[in-house]
Amino acid sequence: MARMIQAMSIAAVAALASTSPGWAGMGEEADINQGLVYIAAADKIRRECSSINGRMLKAQRYANALRSIARDRGYSDEEIDAYLDSKEERAKVRAQRNVYFESQGASNLDPASLCTLGHAEIAGKTQVGYMLRAK
């Protein structure tokens, strides 16, 4: 489980544009970056809401699929890892996650609103909901 939490956290690092030459284009990969925001949202919800667990294997499969898409687009494992390990990108993904929460009527600072959102995501069978399950 700790390994999955680490994988979710690492996967959630990237969100928008980057300036490093090795992974400069990854910030333009909208679908990959949106997926990373979804992983970050699911991770935050499962950590803050006691009535929701994470579906760690499903989250890991989703993160692996995003990595595979990046590889298919020509990014090396080293470039992907550098992008995911960037503290700046981690901050960007958290900001985008919080924008997502706000767009859904929740706040990253309000666990009750995250629980409400999490249960709605599960019921709506969204990508975030796919990585969560009600206890």
N, C-alpha and C. Protein backbone atom coordinates (compact mmCIF):
# COMPACT_ATOMS: atom_id res chain seq x y z
N MET A 1 0.84 -1.19 0.00
CA MET A 1 0.00 0.00 0.00
C MET A 1 0.88 1.25 0.00
N ALA A 2 1.96 1.23 0.76
CA ALA A 2 2.85 2.39 0.76
C ALA A 2 3.45 2.61 -0.63
N ARG A 3 3.73 1.51 -1.32
CA ARG A 3 4.27 1.62 -2.67
C ARG A 3 3.25 2.26 -3.60
N MET A 4 1.98 1.92 -3.44
CA MET A 4 0.94 2.49 -4.27
C MET A 4 0.75 3.98 -3.97
N ILE A 5 0.80 4.32 -2.70
CA ILE A 5 0.68 5.72 -2.32
C ILE A 5 1.82 6.51 -2.94
N GLN A 6 3.03 5.94 -2.89
CA GLN A 6 4.18 6.61 -3.50
C GLN A 6 3.97 6.73 -5.00
N ALA A 7 3.48 5.68 -5.63
CA ALA A 7 3.25 5.73 -7.09
C ALA A 7 2.21 6.78 -7.43
N MET A 8 1.14 6.85 -6.64
CA MET A 8 0.11 7.86 -6.91
C MET A 8 0.69 9.26 -6.74
N SER A 9 1.48 9.44 -5.69
CA SER A 9 2.07 10.75 -5.46
C SER A 9 3.02 11.14 -6.58
N ILE A 10 3.84 10.20 -6.99
CA ILE A 10 4.78 10.49 -8.07
C ILE A 10 4.02 10.78 -9.36
N ALA A 11 3.00 9.98 -9.63
CA ALA A 11 2.24 10.18 -10.86
C ALA A 11 1.52 11.51 -10.86
N ALA A 12 1.18 11.98 -9.69
CA ALA A 12 0.42 13.22 -9.60
C ALA A 12 1.27 14.47 -9.72
N VAL A 13 2.55 14.30 -9.86
CA VAL A 13 3.48 15.42 -9.88
C VAL A 13 3.25 16.39 -11.04
N ALA A 14 3.06 15.89 -12.22
CA ALA A 14 3.07 16.74 -13.42
C ALA A 14 1.70 17.30 -13.71
N ALA A 15 1.66 18.52 -14.25
CA ALA A 15 0.37 19.07 -14.62
C ALA A 15 0.46 19.92 -15.86
N LEU A 16 1.31 20.90 -15.86
CA LEU A 16 1.34 21.84 -16.98
C LEU A 16 2.72 21.93 -17.60
N ALA A 17 3.02 23.06 -18.21
CA ALA A 17 4.27 23.22 -18.96
C ALA A 17 5.50 23.16 -18.07
N SER A 18 6.57 22.74 -18.69
CA SER A 18 7.84 22.62 -18.01
C SER A 18 8.90 23.35 -18.82
N THR A 19 9.97 23.74 -18.16
CA THR A 19 11.03 24.43 -18.88
C THR A 19 12.28 23.59 -19.03
N SER A 20 12.32 22.42 -18.45
CA SER A 20 13.51 21.58 -18.57
C SER A 20 13.59 20.99 -19.97
N PRO A 21 14.78 21.04 -20.60
CA PRO A 21 14.90 20.58 -21.97
C PRO A 21 14.56 19.11 -22.16
N GLY A 22 14.83 18.25 -21.18
CA GLY A 22 14.57 16.82 -21.33
C GLY A 22 13.11 16.46 -21.40
N TRP A 23 12.26 17.27 -20.80
CA TRP A 23 10.84 16.96 -20.79
C TRP A 23 10.00 18.18 -21.13
N ALA A 24 10.56 19.04 -21.94
CA ALA A 24 9.89 20.29 -22.27
C ALA A 24 8.50 20.09 -22.87
N GLY A 25 8.34 19.06 -23.68
CA GLY A 25 7.05 18.86 -24.33
C GLY A 25 5.98 18.20 -23.49
N MET A 26 6.35 17.61 -22.39
CA MET A 26 5.36 16.88 -21.59
C MET A 26 4.28 17.78 -21.02
N GLY A 27 4.61 19.02 -20.77
CA GLY A 27 3.61 19.95 -20.26
C GLY A 27 2.50 20.23 -21.26
N GLU A 28 2.74 19.91 -22.52
CA GLU A 28 1.74 20.13 -23.58
C GLU A 28 0.87 18.90 -23.80
N GLU A 29 1.12 17.83 -23.12
CA GLU A 29 0.35 16.60 -23.28
C GLU A 29 -0.90 16.68 -22.40
N ALA A 30 -1.94 17.31 -22.93
CA ALA A 30 -3.13 17.62 -22.13
C ALA A 30 -3.79 16.38 -21.53
N ASP A 31 -3.90 15.31 -22.29
CA ASP A 31 -4.58 14.13 -21.77
C ASP A 31 -3.78 13.47 -20.65
N ILE A 32 -2.47 13.41 -20.81
CA ILE A 32 -1.64 12.84 -19.76
C ILE A 32 -1.71 13.70 -18.50
N ASN A 33 -1.59 14.99 -18.67
CA ASN A 33 -1.61 15.88 -17.52
C ASN A 33 -2.96 15.88 -16.82
N GLN A 34 -4.04 15.79 -17.58
CA GLN A 34 -5.37 15.71 -16.95
C GLN A 34 -5.47 14.42 -16.14
N GLY A 35 -4.93 13.35 -16.67
CA GLY A 35 -4.91 12.09 -15.93
C GLY A 35 -4.15 12.19 -14.63
N LEU A 36 -3.05 12.92 -14.64
CA LEU A 36 -2.28 13.11 -13.42
C LEU A 36 -3.06 13.93 -12.39
N VAL A 37 -3.82 14.89 -12.86
CA VAL A 37 -4.68 15.67 -11.96
C VAL A 37 -5.75 14.76 -11.35
N TYR A 38 -6.32 13.86 -12.15
CA TYR A 38 -7.31 12.92 -11.62
C TYR A 38 -6.71 12.02 -10.55
N ILE A 39 -5.50 11.55 -10.78
CA ILE A 39 -4.83 10.71 -9.78
C ILE A 39 -4.61 11.50 -8.50
N ALA A 40 -4.16 12.74 -8.63
CA ALA A 40 -3.94 13.59 -7.45
C ALA A 40 -5.24 13.85 -6.71
N ALA A 41 -6.33 14.04 -7.45
CA ALA A 41 -7.63 14.28 -6.81
C ALA A 41 -8.08 13.05 -6.04
N ALA A 42 -7.98 11.88 -6.66
CA ALA A 42 -8.38 10.65 -5.98
C ALA A 42 -7.53 10.42 -4.73
N ASP A 43 -6.25 10.68 -4.84
CA ASP A 43 -5.36 10.48 -3.70
C ASP A 43 -5.73 11.40 -2.54
N LYS A 44 -5.99 12.66 -2.82
CA LYS A 44 -6.37 13.62 -1.78
C LYS A 44 -7.71 13.22 -1.14
N ILE A 45 -8.66 12.83 -1.96
CA ILE A 45 -9.97 12.43 -1.43
C ILE A 45 -9.83 11.23 -0.51
N ARG A 46 -9.10 10.20 -0.93
CA ARG A 46 -8.99 9.00 -0.11
C ARG A 46 -8.23 9.28 1.20
N ARG A 47 -7.30 10.23 1.18
CA ARG A 47 -6.56 10.57 2.40
C ARG A 47 -7.41 11.38 3.36
N GLU A 48 -8.30 12.22 2.85
CA GLU A 48 -9.07 13.14 3.70
C GLU A 48 -10.43 12.60 4.12
N CYS A 49 -10.94 11.62 3.42
CA CYS A 49 -12.30 11.16 3.68
C CYS A 49 -12.28 9.76 4.29
N SER A 50 -12.71 9.65 5.54
CA SER A 50 -12.65 8.37 6.24
C SER A 50 -13.67 7.36 5.71
N SER A 51 -14.63 7.80 4.92
CA SER A 51 -15.63 6.86 4.39
C SER A 51 -15.29 6.39 2.98
N ILE A 52 -14.08 6.71 2.51
CA ILE A 52 -13.66 6.33 1.16
C ILE A 52 -12.25 5.73 1.22
N ASN A 53 -12.06 4.65 0.50
CA ASN A 53 -10.75 4.04 0.33
C ASN A 53 -10.29 4.24 -1.10
N GLY A 54 -9.00 4.13 -1.29
CA GLY A 54 -8.45 4.17 -2.64
C GLY A 54 -8.42 2.77 -3.22
N ARG A 55 -8.68 2.68 -4.50
CA ARG A 55 -8.50 1.42 -5.23
C ARG A 55 -7.10 1.48 -5.81
N MET A 56 -6.15 1.05 -5.01
CA MET A 56 -4.75 1.26 -5.32
C MET A 56 -4.31 0.55 -6.60
N LEU A 57 -4.76 -0.66 -6.82
CA LEU A 57 -4.36 -1.36 -8.03
C LEU A 57 -4.91 -0.68 -9.28
N LYS A 58 -6.14 -0.21 -9.20
CA LYS A 58 -6.71 0.51 -10.34
C LYS A 58 -5.97 1.82 -10.59
N ALA A 59 -5.62 2.49 -9.51
CA ALA A 59 -4.86 3.75 -9.66
C ALA A 59 -3.49 3.46 -10.26
N GLN A 60 -2.85 2.38 -9.83
CA GLN A 60 -1.54 2.03 -10.38
C GLN A 60 -1.65 1.69 -11.86
N ARG A 61 -2.69 0.94 -12.23
CA ARG A 61 -2.88 0.62 -13.65
C ARG A 61 -3.09 1.88 -14.48
N TYR A 62 -3.85 2.81 -13.95
CA TYR A 62 -4.10 4.06 -14.66
C TYR A 62 -2.80 4.86 -14.81
N ALA A 63 -2.01 4.94 -13.73
CA ALA A 63 -0.73 5.63 -13.79
C ALA A 63 0.20 4.96 -14.80
N ASN A 64 0.21 3.63 -14.81
CA ASN A 64 1.04 2.91 -15.78
C ASN A 64 0.57 3.17 -17.21
N ALA A 65 -0.72 3.28 -17.42
CA ALA A 65 -1.25 3.57 -18.75
C ALA A 65 -0.81 4.95 -19.21
N LEU A 66 -0.82 5.92 -18.30
CA LEU A 66 -0.35 7.27 -18.65
C LEU A 66 1.13 7.24 -19.02
N ARG A 67 1.91 6.49 -18.26
CA ARG A 67 3.34 6.35 -18.55
C ARG A 67 3.52 5.71 -19.93
N SER A 68 2.72 4.72 -20.24
CA SER A 68 2.81 4.04 -21.53
C SER A 68 2.47 4.99 -22.68
N ILE A 69 1.48 5.83 -22.48
CA ILE A 69 1.12 6.83 -23.50
C ILE A 69 2.30 7.77 -23.73
N ALA A 70 2.92 8.21 -22.64
CA ALA A 70 4.08 9.11 -22.77
C ALA A 70 5.21 8.42 -23.53
N ARG A 71 5.46 7.16 -23.20
CA ARG A 71 6.50 6.41 -23.92
C ARG A 71 6.17 6.31 -25.41
N ASP A 72 4.91 6.00 -25.70
CA ASP A 72 4.48 5.88 -27.10
C ASP A 72 4.66 7.19 -27.87
N ARG A 73 4.64 8.30 -27.15
CA ARG A 73 4.82 9.60 -27.79
C ARG A 73 6.28 10.01 -27.86
N GLY A 74 7.16 9.11 -27.46
CA GLY A 74 8.59 9.35 -27.64
C GLY A 74 9.35 9.80 -26.41
N TYR A 75 8.72 9.88 -25.27
CA TYR A 75 9.42 10.28 -24.05
C TYR A 75 10.12 9.07 -23.45
N SER A 76 11.35 9.26 -23.03
CA SER A 76 12.10 8.17 -22.39
C SER A 76 11.66 8.05 -20.92
N ASP A 77 11.98 6.91 -20.32
CA ASP A 77 11.68 6.74 -18.90
C ASP A 77 12.38 7.80 -18.06
N GLU A 78 13.59 8.17 -18.46
CA GLU A 78 14.33 9.18 -17.72
C GLU A 78 13.63 10.54 -17.80
N GLU A 79 13.13 10.89 -18.99
CA GLU A 79 12.41 12.16 -19.15
C GLU A 79 11.12 12.16 -18.35
N ILE A 80 10.41 11.04 -18.39
CA ILE A 80 9.16 10.92 -17.63
C ILE A 80 9.45 11.06 -16.14
N ASP A 81 10.45 10.33 -15.66
CA ASP A 81 10.79 10.39 -14.23
C ASP A 81 11.22 11.79 -13.81
N ALA A 82 12.01 12.45 -14.65
CA ALA A 82 12.45 13.82 -14.32
C ALA A 82 11.24 14.74 -14.22
N TYR A 83 10.31 14.59 -15.12
CA TYR A 83 9.09 15.40 -15.11
C TYR A 83 8.27 15.13 -13.85
N LEU A 84 8.12 13.87 -13.52
CA LEU A 84 7.33 13.50 -12.35
C LEU A 84 8.01 13.86 -11.03
N ASP A 85 9.32 13.91 -11.03
CA ASP A 85 10.06 14.22 -9.80
C ASP A 85 10.25 15.71 -9.54
N SER A 86 9.88 16.54 -10.48
CA SER A 86 10.08 17.97 -10.34
C SER A 86 9.18 18.56 -9.26
N LYS A 87 9.79 19.25 -8.30
CA LYS A 87 9.01 19.91 -7.25
C LYS A 87 8.09 20.97 -7.83
N GLU A 88 8.55 21.65 -8.87
CA GLU A 88 7.72 22.67 -9.51
C GLU A 88 6.48 22.05 -10.13
N GLU A 89 6.64 20.89 -10.77
CA GLU A 89 5.49 20.23 -11.39
C GLU A 89 4.55 19.68 -10.33
N ARG A 90 5.09 19.22 -9.20
CA ARG A 90 4.23 18.76 -8.11
C ARG A 90 3.33 19.89 -7.63
N ALA A 91 3.91 21.06 -7.50
CA ALA A 91 3.13 22.23 -7.07
C ALA A 91 2.06 22.57 -8.11
N LYS A 92 2.41 22.47 -9.38
CA LYS A 92 1.44 22.76 -10.44
C LYS A 92 0.28 21.78 -10.43
N VAL A 93 0.58 20.50 -10.23
CA VAL A 93 -0.50 19.52 -10.23
C VAL A 93 -1.40 19.72 -9.02
N ARG A 94 -0.83 20.08 -7.88
CA ARG A 94 -1.67 20.36 -6.72
C ARG A 94 -2.59 21.55 -7.00
N ALA A 95 -2.05 22.56 -7.64
CA ALA A 95 -2.87 23.73 -7.99
C ALA A 95 -3.99 23.35 -8.95
N GLN A 96 -3.68 22.54 -9.94
CA GLN A 96 -4.70 22.11 -10.90
C GLN A 96 -5.73 21.20 -10.23
N ARG A 97 -5.27 20.36 -9.30
CA ARG A 97 -6.19 19.51 -8.54
C ARG A 97 -7.16 20.38 -7.75
N ASN A 98 -6.65 21.44 -7.14
CA ASN A 98 -7.50 22.32 -6.35
C ASN A 98 -8.49 23.07 -7.23
N VAL A 99 -8.08 23.45 -8.42
CA VAL A 99 -9.00 24.07 -9.38
C VAL A 99 -10.10 23.07 -9.74
N TYR A 100 -9.71 21.82 -9.95
CA TYR A 100 -10.70 20.78 -10.24
C TYR A 100 -11.69 20.66 -9.09
N PHE A 101 -11.18 20.60 -7.85
CA PHE A 101 -12.07 20.52 -6.70
C PHE A 101 -13.05 21.68 -6.69
N GLU A 102 -12.54 22.89 -6.86
CA GLU A 102 -13.39 24.07 -6.85
C GLU A 102 -14.44 24.01 -7.96
N SER A 103 -14.07 23.52 -9.13
CA SER A 103 -15.02 23.42 -10.23
C SER A 103 -16.14 22.42 -9.93
N GLN A 104 -15.87 21.54 -8.98
CA GLN A 104 -16.86 20.53 -8.59
C GLN A 104 -17.56 20.90 -7.27
N GLY A 105 -17.32 22.10 -6.78
CA GLY A 105 -17.97 22.57 -5.56
C GLY A 105 -17.33 22.09 -4.28
N ALA A 106 -16.08 21.67 -4.33
CA ALA A 106 -15.38 21.18 -3.14
C ALA A 106 -14.16 22.06 -2.89
N SER A 107 -13.54 21.84 -1.73
CA SER A 107 -12.33 22.56 -1.37
C SER A 107 -11.31 21.58 -0.82
N ASN A 108 -10.06 21.74 -1.21
CA ASN A 108 -9.01 20.87 -0.68
C ASN A 108 -8.82 21.07 0.81
N LEU A 109 -9.35 22.13 1.37
CA LEU A 109 -9.22 22.41 2.80
C LEU A 109 -10.44 21.95 3.62
N ASP A 110 -11.43 21.36 2.95
CA ASP A 110 -12.67 20.96 3.61
C ASP A 110 -12.93 19.47 3.37
N PRO A 111 -12.53 18.62 4.34
CA PRO A 111 -12.71 17.18 4.16
C PRO A 111 -14.16 16.77 3.88
N ALA A 112 -15.12 17.44 4.48
CA ALA A 112 -16.52 17.08 4.24
C ALA A 112 -16.89 17.29 2.78
N SER A 113 -16.42 18.37 2.19
CA SER A 113 -16.73 18.61 0.78
C SER A 113 -16.00 17.61 -0.11
N LEU A 114 -14.82 17.18 0.31
CA LEU A 114 -14.10 16.16 -0.46
C LEU A 114 -14.81 14.81 -0.38
N CYS A 115 -15.39 14.51 0.78
CA CYS A 115 -16.17 13.27 0.91
C CYS A 115 -17.40 13.32 0.00
N THR A 116 -18.09 14.45 0.02
CA THR A 116 -19.26 14.60 -0.84
C THR A 116 -18.86 14.43 -2.30
N LEU A 117 -17.78 15.08 -2.69
CA LEU A 117 -17.29 14.96 -4.06
C LEU A 117 -16.89 13.52 -4.36
N GLY A 118 -16.16 12.90 -3.46
CA GLY A 118 -15.71 11.52 -3.67
C GLY A 118 -16.87 10.57 -3.90
N HIS A 119 -17.90 10.68 -3.09
CA HIS A 119 -19.07 9.81 -3.26
C HIS A 119 -19.78 10.10 -4.58
N ALA A 120 -19.82 11.36 -4.98
CA ALA A 120 -20.42 11.72 -6.27
C ALA A 120 -19.59 11.16 -7.43
N GLU A 121 -18.27 11.22 -7.30
CA GLU A 121 -17.39 10.68 -8.34
C GLU A 121 -17.57 9.16 -8.47
N ILE A 122 -17.68 8.49 -7.33
CA ILE A 122 -17.90 7.04 -7.35
C ILE A 122 -19.24 6.73 -8.02
N ALA A 123 -20.29 7.42 -7.60
CA ALA A 123 -21.62 7.19 -8.16
C ALA A 123 -21.68 7.52 -9.65
N GLY A 124 -20.95 8.56 -10.05
CA GLY A 124 -20.95 8.97 -11.44
C GLY A 124 -20.02 8.16 -12.32
N LYS A 125 -19.30 7.23 -11.70
CA LYS A 125 -18.35 6.37 -12.43
C LYS A 125 -17.37 7.18 -13.28
N THR A 126 -16.87 8.26 -12.67
CA THR A 126 -15.89 9.11 -13.35
C THR A 126 -14.50 8.47 -13.22
N GLN A 127 -13.52 9.07 -13.89
CA GLN A 127 -12.16 8.56 -13.78
C GLN A 127 -11.66 8.67 -12.34
N VAL A 128 -11.97 9.75 -11.66
CA VAL A 128 -11.59 9.87 -10.25
C VAL A 128 -12.31 8.79 -9.44
N GLY A 129 -13.60 8.64 -9.68
CA GLY A 129 -14.38 7.64 -8.97
C GLY A 129 -13.90 6.22 -9.20
N TYR A 130 -13.33 5.96 -10.36
CA TYR A 130 -12.79 4.64 -10.70
C TYR A 130 -11.67 4.25 -9.73
N MET A 131 -10.95 5.25 -9.21
CA MET A 131 -9.84 4.98 -8.31
C MET A 131 -10.23 5.01 -6.84
N LEU A 132 -11.53 5.14 -6.57
CA LEU A 132 -12.05 5.21 -5.21
C LEU A 132 -13.13 4.17 -4.98
N ARG A 133 -13.36 3.86 -3.70
CA ARG A 133 -14.51 3.03 -3.35
C ARG A 133 -14.99 3.42 -1.95
N ALA A 134 -16.30 3.39 -1.79
CA ALA A 134 -16.88 3.70 -0.49
C ALA A 134 -16.63 2.54 0.46
N LYS A 135 -16.37 2.87 1.72
CA LYS A 135 -16.14 1.81 2.73
C LYS A 135 -17.46 1.16 3.10
